[in-house]
Amino acid sequence: MDRLNGPARLMIVSDLDQTMVDHNDRENLSLLRFNALWEAEYRHDSLLVFSSGRSFISYEQLRERKPLLTPDITVMSVGTEIAYGESMVPDDDWKQSLDKNWNRDIVLEETSKFSELTPQSEQSQRPHKVSFFLKKDEAEKVIKALTERLEARGLDAKTIYSGGEALDVLPEGAGKGRALSYLLNKFKVDGKQPNNTLVCGDSGNDAELFSVPEVYGVMVSNAMEELLQWREENAKNNPKIILATERGAAGIIEAIGNFGLGSSISPRDRVDLSEFGSKTLRPDHEIVLFYLFYERWRHGEVEKNEQSFLKLKSICHSMAIFVHPSGVKRPLKHSIDDMVMLHGDKKEKQFSVLVDQVYSAEIALNTWLVKFYKWELCGEEKYCCLTTVLLSSKNEESDGLMWLHMHQTWLEGRGTKESSTWLL
C-alpha cells in the first residue's frame, strides 16, 4: 500500500460474518471495541484487510447495516477478487492469473448435472466463483463426483465447502489463502512485507488462511465445527494458531494480546476517557478518546459537573472556529456549550459514535492536521461527516493538545443530511 512508507507493523486479515461481525451481538459492542482500538493504535502504521465470501455488492449491503471500518484491502468472493483503498480499485493482475485453465461455462455445464446443487443468488455468482447450496449429508459424495468431472474436462478448479451448506467452485489458484500469499509476495517484492500478520476466521472457507506460512491465526470462539475439525487435524499443536475464548471481534483483540502483537486494550474498555488534550496522546488517539467521551456524555454515562465542563472548555483555543456541515461558522466553544446541554439526551437509546480512517500529519512544529470520517449511529439513522481538525500543543507548561479549528462536510451517499443539532 502506498499509504505506508515502509512495512506495516501489523496486518490483520479477517473474515467478516461471525468473525469481525458477530451477528448475535445486536449492539455491535465487540466490533465497536475493535474499531476504537484500531483507529487509536494501529491505523497510522498498520493494514486492515477484510477477506470474505461475500461479493462486493453483498459487502456494501453489510456496511449499510454494521459499523465497519474502511479496510486498506478488500478480498471478496472467497479470494477471487482483490481491491485496494476506499475506492476499491481492482487488482487486474490477480484476475488475469485466475483465468488459466478456468472456464466458467464448463463449470456451469458440469454442475447442472447434479440435482443436489441449488444455485445461490445471482449476486453471489462471480466470474471466478460459482456458488451453490448443498446439504451436509450429500456434500462428500457430490464434491467427489464433481471434482472428478471437472478434472476430466481439463479444468484447474477446486471446491470449498463451508457452513454446512455453501459450496463454491473456484479456480485452483483462488481462495482466501492464495489471495493472502499473493498479497504478501507483492509486499515482499516492494520491500514492505508486514512485520506481523494475523489471520482471523470462523468457517471452512477460512481454513486456507491458517495454512499460509509465518502468519499468526485466531479462530474465534464461535467458530464452526468444520474449522475446529480442520484445526484438530492440521494445527492442533501449532502455537501460532489459537482458539479464542471470545466471540467475533473480541476474539481478534484477544489474539493481539495473546501473541504480543501490540496494544490489546480498547479505549472503549477504559473507564476514564477525560485525558483527551493530554501531552501523552498522539493526535489520532486524541480524536478517538474525545468522541468516546462525547458518546458517553450523550448517554449520560459521564457525570455532568464543573470539572467535566472545564475540561471540555480547556481543549479549545479562545479563537477556535467550528465550521458546521451546513457551512455556518461559529466559535468552537459555543458548540461545546451545546454539547453540555445535550448531556444524557441519548440515555437508554441505541446511539454510538464511530471514527474511521483517522489520519494525522504534522504540518508545522507541534501542529497537526487530522482528517477522519465521523459517524453518528442513532438506531437505523446514520450521519456521516468528513471532519478536519487542527491541533496544536497548548504551551510549554502543560504541553497538551489544543483544538484550533474544526471543519465538517456532509458525505454524499454516507448518511442523511438532516440534523438539527450542532454535531461535533
Protein backbone atom coordinates (compact mmCIF):
# COMPACT_ATOMS: atom_id res chain seq x y z
CA MET A 1 0.00 0.00 0.00
CA ASP A 2 1.31 3.42 -0.95
CA ARG A 3 -0.20 4.86 2.25
CA LEU A 4 2.67 3.43 4.31
CA ASN A 5 6.26 4.41 3.65
CA GLY A 6 7.58 1.11 4.98
CA PRO A 7 6.38 -2.31 6.17
CA ALA A 8 3.17 -2.44 8.16
CA ARG A 9 3.72 -3.01 11.86
CA LEU A 10 0.72 -5.35 11.84
CA MET A 11 -1.57 -6.62 9.09
CA ILE A 12 -4.89 -8.09 10.21
CA VAL A 13 -6.67 -10.27 7.66
CA SER A 14 -10.18 -11.02 8.86
CA ASP A 15 -13.28 -12.77 7.64
CA LEU A 16 -16.44 -10.70 8.09
CA ASP A 17 -19.54 -12.70 9.01
CA GLN A 18 -19.34 -14.17 12.51
CA THR A 19 -15.66 -13.16 12.76
CA MET A 20 -15.24 -9.39 12.55
CA VAL A 21 -19.04 -9.06 12.65
CA ASP A 22 -20.82 -11.10 15.31
CA HIS A 23 -24.43 -11.20 14.13
CA ASN A 24 -25.51 -12.32 17.61
CA ASP A 25 -24.15 -9.05 19.04
CA ARG A 26 -27.08 -6.78 18.26
CA GLU A 27 -25.43 -3.67 19.72
CA ASN A 28 -22.13 -4.40 17.91
CA LEU A 29 -20.19 -3.95 21.14
CA SER A 30 -17.26 -6.19 20.14
CA LEU A 31 -16.97 -4.58 16.72
CA LEU A 32 -17.02 -1.07 18.18
CA ARG A 33 -14.34 -2.11 20.69
CA PHE A 34 -12.12 -3.30 17.84
CA ASN A 35 -12.80 -0.17 15.79
CA ALA A 36 -11.70 2.15 18.59
CA LEU A 37 -8.56 0.10 19.20
CA TRP A 38 -7.64 0.06 15.51
CA GLU A 39 -8.08 3.80 14.95
CA ALA A 40 -6.29 4.77 18.17
CA GLU A 41 -3.35 2.38 18.00
CA TYR A 42 -2.92 0.83 14.55
CA ARG A 43 -4.40 2.78 11.63
CA HIS A 44 -1.35 5.05 11.27
CA ASP A 45 1.19 2.27 10.66
CA SER A 46 -0.72 -0.97 10.04
CA LEU A 47 -3.02 -2.55 7.46
CA LEU A 48 -6.57 -3.87 7.77
CA VAL A 49 -7.74 -6.47 5.25
CA PHE A 50 -11.27 -7.89 5.00
CA SER A 51 -11.34 -11.35 3.40
CA SER A 52 -14.88 -12.58 2.83
CA GLY A 53 -17.00 -14.97 0.83
CA ARG A 54 -19.33 -12.05 0.09
CA SER A 55 -19.44 -10.32 -3.27
CA PHE A 56 -18.68 -6.61 -3.37
CA ILE A 57 -22.41 -5.86 -3.62
CA SER A 58 -23.19 -8.01 -0.60
CA TYR A 59 -20.26 -6.44 1.27
CA GLU A 60 -21.66 -2.94 0.69
CA GLN A 61 -25.03 -4.13 1.98
CA LEU A 62 -23.35 -5.36 5.15
CA ARG A 63 -21.62 -1.99 5.59
CA GLU A 64 -25.02 -0.32 5.48
CA ARG A 65 -26.15 -2.42 8.44
CA LYS A 66 -22.98 -2.71 10.53
CA PRO A 67 -20.41 -0.12 11.75
CA LEU A 68 -17.46 -1.50 9.80
CA LEU A 69 -14.24 0.46 9.39
CA THR A 70 -12.87 1.10 5.90
CA PRO A 71 -10.19 -1.51 5.22
CA ASP A 72 -6.99 -0.91 3.28
CA ILE A 73 -7.60 -4.01 1.15
CA THR A 74 -10.75 -5.99 0.40
CA VAL A 75 -10.56 -9.64 -0.70
CA MET A 76 -14.03 -10.70 -1.76
CA SER A 77 -15.83 -13.70 -3.27
CA VAL A 78 -13.69 -16.28 -1.44
CA GLY A 79 -10.38 -14.86 -2.59
CA THR A 80 -11.25 -14.40 -6.25
CA GLU A 81 -11.33 -10.59 -6.22
CA ILE A 82 -8.89 -8.13 -4.64
CA ALA A 83 -9.32 -4.37 -4.41
CA TYR A 84 -7.41 -1.55 -2.76
CA GLY A 85 -8.35 1.51 -0.73
CA GLU A 86 -11.59 3.30 -0.06
CA SER A 87 -12.35 3.42 -3.80
CA MET A 88 -11.79 -0.35 -4.06
CA VAL A 89 -9.51 -0.24 -7.10
CA PRO A 90 -9.45 -3.79 -8.54
CA ASP A 91 -6.26 -5.82 -8.91
CA ASP A 92 -6.42 -6.77 -12.59
CA ASP A 93 -3.23 -8.86 -12.40
CA TRP A 94 -4.87 -11.12 -9.84
CA LYS A 95 -7.94 -11.51 -12.04
CA GLN A 96 -5.83 -12.44 -15.05
CA SER A 97 -3.87 -15.00 -13.06
CA LEU A 98 -7.09 -16.87 -12.28
CA ASP A 99 -8.04 -17.25 -15.95
CA LYS A 100 -5.51 -20.03 -16.53
CA ASN A 101 -7.31 -23.33 -17.24
CA TRP A 102 -10.59 -21.85 -15.97
CA ASN A 103 -13.80 -21.94 -17.96
CA ARG A 104 -16.93 -20.81 -16.19
CA ASP A 105 -19.22 -22.20 -18.87
CA ILE A 106 -17.81 -25.69 -18.38
CA VAL A 107 -18.29 -25.37 -14.62
CA LEU A 108 -21.94 -24.43 -15.15
CA GLU A 109 -22.38 -27.29 -17.59
CA GLU A 110 -20.97 -29.89 -15.19
CA THR A 111 -22.67 -28.61 -12.06
CA SER A 112 -26.05 -28.63 -13.83
CA LYS A 113 -25.81 -32.44 -13.85
CA PHE A 114 -26.16 -32.57 -10.05
CA SER A 115 -29.72 -32.18 -8.79
CA GLU A 116 -28.36 -31.83 -5.26
CA LEU A 117 -26.82 -28.44 -6.12
CA THR A 118 -29.07 -25.38 -5.73
CA PRO A 119 -27.61 -22.18 -7.22
CA GLN A 120 -27.15 -19.30 -4.80
CA SER A 121 -28.45 -15.81 -5.64
CA GLU A 122 -27.25 -14.06 -8.76
CA GLN A 123 -25.21 -11.53 -6.77
CA SER A 124 -23.21 -14.42 -5.27
CA GLN A 125 -22.11 -15.59 -8.72
CA ARG A 126 -18.86 -14.05 -9.96
CA PRO A 127 -16.54 -14.54 -12.98
CA HIS A 128 -14.24 -16.81 -10.95
CA LYS A 129 -16.76 -18.12 -8.43
CA VAL A 130 -19.80 -20.34 -8.98
CA SER A 131 -21.81 -20.87 -5.80
CA PHE A 132 -24.43 -23.37 -4.66
CA PHE A 133 -26.29 -24.63 -1.63
CA LEU A 134 -25.60 -28.26 -0.80
CA LYS A 135 -26.95 -30.31 2.10
CA LYS A 136 -24.35 -31.55 4.54
CA ASP A 137 -25.29 -35.23 4.27
CA GLU A 138 -24.86 -35.11 0.47
CA ALA A 139 -21.71 -32.98 0.37
CA GLU A 140 -18.97 -35.65 0.41
CA LYS A 141 -20.48 -37.68 -2.41
CA VAL A 142 -21.29 -34.70 -4.64
CA ILE A 143 -17.94 -32.95 -4.13
CA LYS A 144 -16.01 -36.11 -5.01
CA ALA A 145 -18.00 -36.73 -8.19
CA LEU A 146 -17.94 -33.07 -9.27
CA THR A 147 -14.17 -32.81 -8.73
CA GLU A 148 -13.63 -35.85 -10.95
CA ARG A 149 -15.83 -34.39 -13.70
CA LEU A 150 -14.02 -31.03 -13.68
CA GLU A 151 -10.62 -32.74 -13.78
CA ALA A 152 -11.78 -34.85 -16.73
CA ARG A 153 -12.69 -31.65 -18.57
CA GLY A 154 -9.15 -30.32 -18.04
CA LEU A 155 -10.02 -27.55 -15.60
CA ASP A 156 -7.79 -26.42 -12.75
CA ALA A 157 -10.68 -25.95 -10.35
CA LYS A 158 -11.37 -26.63 -6.70
CA THR A 159 -14.35 -26.74 -4.40
CA ILE A 160 -14.69 -25.13 -0.97
CA TYR A 161 -17.49 -26.22 1.34
CA SER A 162 -18.37 -24.10 4.38
CA GLY A 163 -21.11 -23.50 6.90
CA GLY A 164 -22.54 -26.95 6.30
CA GLU A 165 -24.48 -25.58 3.33
CA ALA A 166 -22.39 -23.50 0.89
CA LEU A 167 -20.31 -24.91 -1.96
CA ASP A 168 -18.09 -22.63 -4.04
CA VAL A 169 -16.33 -23.73 -7.24
CA LEU A 170 -13.20 -21.63 -7.88
CA PRO A 171 -10.05 -21.68 -9.99
CA GLU A 172 -7.36 -23.80 -8.36
CA GLY A 173 -5.24 -20.68 -7.78
CA ALA A 174 -8.01 -18.83 -5.97
CA GLY A 175 -9.15 -18.90 -2.35
CA LYS A 176 -8.53 -16.78 0.71
CA GLY A 177 -5.14 -18.34 1.43
CA ARG A 178 -3.89 -17.99 -2.13
CA ALA A 179 -5.02 -14.37 -2.24
CA LEU A 180 -3.16 -13.64 1.00
CA SER A 181 0.00 -15.33 -0.30
CA TYR A 182 -0.25 -13.20 -3.44
CA LEU A 183 -0.51 -10.01 -1.35
CA LEU A 184 2.38 -10.98 0.91
CA ASN A 185 4.55 -11.66 -2.14
CA LYS A 186 3.66 -8.24 -3.58
CA PHE A 187 4.67 -6.60 -0.32
CA LYS A 188 7.91 -8.59 -0.27
CA VAL A 189 8.82 -7.51 -3.81
CA ASP A 190 8.22 -3.89 -2.81
CA GLY A 191 10.27 -4.30 0.38
CA LYS A 192 7.16 -3.79 2.51
CA GLN A 193 6.40 -7.22 3.91
CA PRO A 194 4.41 -6.71 7.17
CA ASN A 195 6.31 -7.28 10.40
CA ASN A 196 3.46 -9.46 11.63
CA THR A 197 0.29 -10.84 10.05
CA LEU A 198 -2.74 -12.07 12.00
CA VAL A 199 -5.45 -14.05 10.18
CA CYS A 200 -8.92 -14.43 11.70
CA GLY A 201 -11.79 -16.73 10.79
CA ASP A 202 -14.70 -18.91 11.84
CA SER A 203 -15.67 -21.24 8.96
CA GLY A 204 -14.39 -23.72 6.38
CA ASN A 205 -13.55 -21.19 3.70
CA ASP A 206 -11.16 -19.54 6.19
CA ALA A 207 -9.05 -22.69 6.65
CA GLU A 208 -6.67 -21.72 3.83
CA LEU A 209 -5.72 -18.55 5.71
CA PHE A 210 -4.28 -20.58 8.56
CA SER A 211 -2.11 -22.58 6.16
CA VAL A 212 -0.15 -19.54 4.95
CA PRO A 213 3.41 -19.77 6.33
CA GLU A 214 4.62 -17.40 9.05
CA VAL A 215 1.22 -15.95 9.97
CA TYR A 216 -0.44 -15.87 13.36
CA GLY A 217 -4.00 -17.13 13.44
CA VAL A 218 -7.09 -16.90 15.61
CA MET A 219 -10.26 -18.92 15.32
CA VAL A 220 -12.95 -17.05 17.22
CA SER A 221 -14.75 -18.95 19.99
CA ASN A 222 -17.90 -19.21 17.90
CA ALA A 223 -16.02 -20.96 15.06
CA MET A 224 -17.94 -23.65 13.18
CA GLU A 225 -17.39 -27.35 13.67
CA GLU A 226 -15.77 -27.71 10.23
CA LEU A 227 -13.00 -25.24 11.11
CA LEU A 228 -12.47 -26.77 14.54
CA GLN A 229 -12.11 -30.17 12.85
CA TRP A 230 -9.54 -28.71 10.46
CA ARG A 231 -7.61 -27.34 13.45
CA GLU A 232 -7.70 -30.73 15.16
CA GLU A 233 -6.30 -32.41 12.05
CA ASN A 234 -3.82 -29.75 10.88
CA ALA A 235 -2.88 -27.26 13.59
CA LYS A 236 -3.62 -28.74 16.99
CA ASN A 237 -0.04 -28.30 18.21
CA ASN A 238 0.74 -25.09 16.32
CA PRO A 239 1.32 -22.36 18.96
CA LYS A 240 0.79 -19.64 16.34
CA ILE A 241 -2.84 -20.66 15.80
CA ILE A 242 -5.22 -20.30 18.76
CA LEU A 243 -8.87 -20.81 19.52
CA ALA A 244 -10.07 -17.67 21.26
CA THR A 245 -12.24 -17.65 24.35
CA GLU A 246 -14.13 -14.62 22.99
CA ARG A 247 -16.59 -14.33 20.12
CA GLY A 248 -16.16 -12.24 16.99
CA ALA A 249 -14.02 -9.11 17.05
CA ALA A 250 -13.42 -9.57 20.79
CA GLY A 251 -11.57 -12.76 19.86
CA ILE A 252 -9.37 -10.78 17.47
CA ILE A 253 -8.49 -8.33 20.25
CA GLU A 254 -7.73 -11.30 22.49
CA ALA A 255 -5.33 -12.72 19.90
CA ILE A 256 -3.45 -9.43 19.53
CA GLY A 257 -2.71 -9.56 23.24
CA ASN A 258 -2.02 -13.31 23.31
CA PHE A 259 0.66 -13.06 20.62
CA GLY A 260 2.08 -9.77 21.91
CA LEU A 261 1.45 -8.01 18.60
CA GLY A 262 0.67 -4.64 20.18
CA SER A 263 -1.83 -2.95 22.45
CA SER A 264 -4.95 -5.01 23.12
CA ILE A 265 -6.73 -2.57 25.43
CA SER A 266 -9.50 -0.84 23.53
CA PRO A 267 -10.24 2.76 24.51
CA ARG A 268 -13.83 1.58 24.93
CA ASP A 269 -12.71 -0.62 27.82
CA ARG A 270 -11.32 2.32 29.75
CA VAL A 271 -13.36 3.97 32.47
CA ASP A 272 -11.66 7.38 32.35
CA LEU A 273 -11.70 8.99 28.91
CA SER A 274 -11.05 12.51 30.13
CA GLU A 275 -7.35 12.53 29.23
CA PHE A 276 -8.00 13.96 25.76
CA GLY A 277 -5.90 17.08 25.47
CA SER A 278 -3.13 15.30 27.38
CA LYS A 279 0.51 15.61 26.40
CA THR A 280 0.82 11.80 26.34
CA LEU A 281 -1.53 11.29 23.40
CA ARG A 282 -0.94 11.14 19.67
CA PRO A 283 -3.40 13.24 17.64
CA ASP A 284 -5.23 10.13 16.34
CA HIS A 285 -5.63 8.78 19.87
CA GLU A 286 -6.88 12.21 20.95
CA ILE A 287 -9.68 12.06 18.37
CA VAL A 288 -10.78 8.57 19.38
CA LEU A 289 -10.91 9.42 23.10
CA PHE A 290 -12.76 12.69 22.56
CA TYR A 291 -15.56 11.08 20.55
CA LEU A 292 -15.89 8.22 23.00
CA PHE A 293 -16.27 10.85 25.73
CA TYR A 294 -18.83 12.62 23.51
CA GLU A 295 -20.79 9.36 23.08
CA ARG A 296 -20.77 8.61 26.82
CA TRP A 297 -21.70 12.22 27.60
CA ARG A 298 -24.82 11.94 25.48
CA HIS A 299 -25.65 8.59 27.07
CA GLY A 300 -25.34 10.33 30.45
CA GLU A 301 -22.60 7.90 31.50
CA VAL A 302 -20.17 10.77 32.24
CA GLU A 303 -21.01 12.81 35.31
CA LYS A 304 -22.15 16.33 34.49
CA ASN A 305 -20.12 18.53 36.81
CA GLU A 306 -17.92 21.61 36.79
CA GLN A 307 -14.78 19.51 36.31
CA SER A 308 -16.12 17.94 33.09
CA PHE A 309 -17.28 21.31 31.79
CA LEU A 310 -13.90 22.94 32.43
CA LYS A 311 -12.13 20.01 30.79
CA LEU A 312 -14.17 20.45 27.61
CA LYS A 313 -13.53 24.19 27.59
CA SER A 314 -9.80 23.73 28.19
CA ILE A 315 -9.16 21.90 24.94
CA CYS A 316 -10.47 24.78 22.81
CA HIS A 317 -8.35 27.73 21.79
CA SER A 318 -10.12 31.02 22.53
CA MET A 319 -10.21 31.82 18.79
CA ALA A 320 -11.09 28.30 17.60
CA ILE A 321 -13.78 28.14 14.90
CA PHE A 322 -16.18 25.31 14.10
CA VAL A 323 -17.47 25.14 10.51
CA HIS A 324 -20.70 23.15 10.59
CA PRO A 325 -21.57 20.90 7.59
CA SER A 326 -24.24 23.48 6.66
CA GLY A 327 -21.41 25.97 6.08
CA VAL A 328 -22.22 28.14 9.10
CA LYS A 329 -19.22 29.22 11.19
CA ARG A 330 -19.16 29.98 14.88
CA PRO A 331 -16.78 29.72 17.88
CA LEU A 332 -15.97 26.14 18.78
CA LYS A 333 -16.65 26.91 22.44
CA HIS A 334 -20.28 27.64 21.57
CA SER A 335 -20.61 24.12 20.20
CA ILE A 336 -19.07 22.81 23.41
CA ASP A 337 -21.81 24.73 25.26
CA ASP A 338 -24.41 22.95 23.12
CA MET A 339 -22.76 19.63 23.86
CA VAL A 340 -23.03 20.33 27.59
CA MET A 341 -26.79 20.90 27.17
CA LEU A 342 -27.15 17.55 25.36
CA HIS A 343 -25.99 15.61 28.40
CA GLY A 344 -27.98 12.37 28.67
CA ASP A 345 -30.23 13.06 25.64
CA LYS A 346 -29.44 9.56 24.28
CA LYS A 347 -29.82 7.76 27.59
CA GLU A 348 -31.23 4.25 27.14
CA LYS A 349 -31.21 4.75 23.36
CA GLN A 350 -29.15 2.92 20.76
CA PHE A 351 -26.55 5.56 19.99
CA SER A 352 -22.86 5.25 19.17
CA VAL A 353 -20.12 7.31 17.54
CA LEU A 354 -17.60 5.82 15.14
CA VAL A 355 -14.47 7.47 13.77
CA ASP A 356 -12.99 5.88 10.65
CA GLN A 357 -9.75 6.41 8.73
CA VAL A 358 -8.15 8.73 11.28
CA TYR A 359 -5.00 10.13 9.64
CA SER A 360 -2.80 12.86 11.08
CA ALA A 361 0.12 14.84 9.67
CA GLU A 362 2.43 17.26 11.46
CA ILE A 363 2.18 20.34 9.24
CA ALA A 364 4.31 22.60 11.46
CA LEU A 365 6.24 22.26 14.68
CA ASN A 366 3.84 20.78 17.28
CA THR A 367 0.85 21.38 14.98
CA TRP A 368 -1.16 18.55 13.40
CA LEU A 369 -3.86 18.29 10.78
CA VAL A 370 -6.16 15.33 11.44
CA LYS A 371 -8.73 14.04 8.94
CA PHE A 372 -11.32 11.33 9.52
CA TYR A 373 -14.89 10.22 8.90
CA LYS A 374 -17.15 10.72 11.89
CA TRP A 375 -20.34 8.67 12.09
CA GLU A 376 -23.23 9.10 14.50
CA LEU A 377 -25.34 5.93 14.58
CA CYS A 378 -28.81 6.55 16.01
CA GLY A 379 -30.85 3.37 15.72
CA GLU A 380 -31.48 2.99 11.99
CA GLU A 381 -30.33 6.55 11.20
CA LYS A 382 -26.73 7.34 10.25
CA TYR A 383 -24.98 10.68 9.97
CA CYS A 384 -21.53 10.93 8.41
CA CYS A 385 -19.18 13.89 8.11
CA LEU A 386 -15.71 14.22 6.70
CA THR A 387 -14.06 16.05 9.59
CA THR A 388 -10.82 18.03 9.66
CA VAL A 389 -9.32 19.16 12.95
CA LEU A 390 -6.28 21.35 13.55
CA LEU A 391 -4.47 20.52 16.80
CA SER A 392 -1.50 22.16 18.47
CA SER A 393 0.43 21.91 21.71
CA LYS A 394 -1.12 24.16 24.35
CA ASN A 395 2.01 25.66 25.85
CA GLU A 396 5.36 24.69 27.27
CA GLU A 397 3.99 24.13 30.78
CA SER A 398 1.19 21.65 30.02
CA ASP A 399 2.41 20.51 26.61
CA GLY A 400 -1.07 19.14 25.98
CA LEU A 401 -3.15 19.30 22.81
CA MET A 402 -5.46 22.17 21.94
CA TRP A 403 -8.15 22.26 19.25
CA LEU A 404 -7.60 25.25 16.94
CA HIS A 405 -10.11 24.60 14.16
CA MET A 406 -12.77 22.09 13.11
CA HIS A 407 -14.45 21.76 9.72
CA GLN A 408 -17.12 19.20 8.82
CA THR A 409 -18.59 18.31 5.41
CA TRP A 410 -21.55 16.02 4.75
CA LEU A 411 -20.64 12.89 2.81
CA GLU A 412 -22.90 12.15 -0.15
CA GLY A 413 -24.23 8.60 -0.01
CA ARG A 414 -22.86 8.06 3.52
CA GLY A 415 -25.74 9.14 5.70
CA THR A 416 -28.52 11.68 5.85
CA LYS A 417 -28.01 15.43 5.88
CA GLU A 418 -30.93 16.09 8.18
CA SER A 419 -29.87 17.16 11.67
CA SER A 420 -30.95 20.00 13.93
CA THR A 421 -28.04 19.72 16.37
CA TRP A 422 -24.55 21.15 16.12
CA LEU A 423 -22.73 17.88 15.68
CA LEU A 424 -19.15 17.86 16.92
